[in-house]
Amino acid sequence: MAIEGDLAQMGAFLGAGLASVGMGGAAIGVGNVVGNYLSGALRNPAAAAGQTATMFIGIAFAEALGIFSFLVALLLMFAV
């Protein structure tokens, strides 16, 4: 039946939309990481250079979660 296929496709698109919310969460996570780094760097400028690598690692982990949610959204949209 055509209705069952349409319902499956609608569910896939709704799931992809919900999975893409994770990309917004990654943007918020990156903002928190950089904001806390800047807060600490302004309080103690001498230690800022040593924390730069930690900031980039935090950004990479947050962006990896965003890319993962993007891949899940793509899989839900095109794997049905």
Protein backbone atom coordinates (compact mmCIF):
# COMPACT_ATOMS: atom_id res chain seq x y z
CA MET A 1 0.00 0.00 0.00
CA ALA A 2 1.14 3.52 -0.74
CA ILE A 3 0.05 4.88 2.62
CA GLU A 4 2.46 2.65 4.54
CA GLY A 5 5.39 3.84 2.44
CA ASP A 6 4.37 7.45 2.91
CA LEU A 7 4.15 6.97 6.68
CA ALA A 8 7.62 5.41 6.74
CA GLN A 9 9.01 8.29 4.72
CA MET A 10 7.29 10.83 6.98
CA GLY A 11 8.75 9.10 10.04
CA ALA A 12 12.20 9.17 8.47
CA PHE A 13 11.95 12.89 7.78
CA LEU A 14 10.69 13.61 11.31
CA GLY A 15 13.54 11.56 12.75
CA ALA A 16 16.03 13.39 10.55
CA GLY A 17 14.68 16.72 11.76
CA LEU A 18 14.99 15.65 15.37
CA ALA A 19 18.50 14.31 14.78
CA SER A 20 19.53 17.62 13.27
CA VAL A 21 18.76 19.32 16.60
CA GLY A 22 22.07 17.81 17.72
CA MET A 23 23.87 20.13 15.32
CA GLY A 24 22.46 23.09 17.22
CA GLY A 25 23.57 21.45 20.45
CA ALA A 26 27.09 21.19 19.05
CA ALA A 27 27.09 24.90 18.30
CA ILE A 28 26.01 25.64 21.86
CA GLY A 29 28.75 23.31 23.14
CA VAL A 30 31.43 25.06 21.09
CA GLY A 31 30.19 28.40 22.39
CA ASN A 32 30.45 27.17 25.97
CA VAL A 33 33.96 25.79 25.46
CA VAL A 34 35.31 28.97 23.88
CA GLY A 35 33.45 31.22 26.30
CA ASN A 36 34.90 29.43 29.31
CA TYR A 37 38.36 29.52 27.75
CA LEU A 38 38.10 33.26 27.22
CA SER A 39 36.83 33.75 30.75
CA GLY A 40 39.81 31.88 32.15
CA ALA A 41 42.26 33.58 29.80
CA LEU A 42 41.09 37.01 30.89
CA ARG A 43 41.44 36.07 34.55
CA ASN A 44 44.92 34.57 34.15
CA PRO A 45 46.58 35.61 30.89
CA ALA A 46 49.83 33.85 31.75
CA ALA A 47 48.13 30.43 31.73
CA ALA A 48 46.12 31.06 28.53
CA ALA A 49 48.80 29.73 26.19
CA GLY A 50 48.88 26.39 28.00
CA GLN A 51 45.12 25.95 27.76
CA THR A 52 44.79 26.60 24.03
CA ALA A 53 45.31 22.95 23.09
CA THR A 54 42.67 21.91 25.63
CA MET A 55 40.24 24.38 24.09
CA PHE A 56 40.78 22.94 20.61
CA ILE A 57 40.26 19.39 21.92
CA GLY A 58 36.98 20.49 23.50
CA ILE A 59 35.90 22.12 20.24
CA ALA A 60 36.77 18.95 18.33
CA PHE A 61 34.69 16.75 20.64
CA ALA A 62 31.70 19.09 20.44
CA GLU A 63 31.91 19.28 16.66
CA ALA A 64 32.26 15.50 16.41
CA LEU A 65 28.89 15.13 18.11
CA GLY A 66 27.40 17.61 15.66
CA ILE A 67 28.82 15.70 12.69
CA PHE A 68 27.51 12.45 14.17
CA SER A 69 23.99 13.87 14.43
CA PHE A 70 24.29 15.13 10.85
CA LEU A 71 25.22 11.63 9.67
CA VAL A 72 22.30 10.12 11.56
CA ALA A 73 19.98 12.64 9.90
CA LEU A 74 21.35 11.75 6.47
CA LEU A 75 20.98 8.04 7.14
CA LEU A 76 17.38 8.51 8.23
CA MET A 77 16.56 10.56 5.16
CA PHE A 78 18.19 8.44 2.45
CA ALA A 79 18.42 4.89 3.85
CA VAL A 80 14.67 4.26 3.82
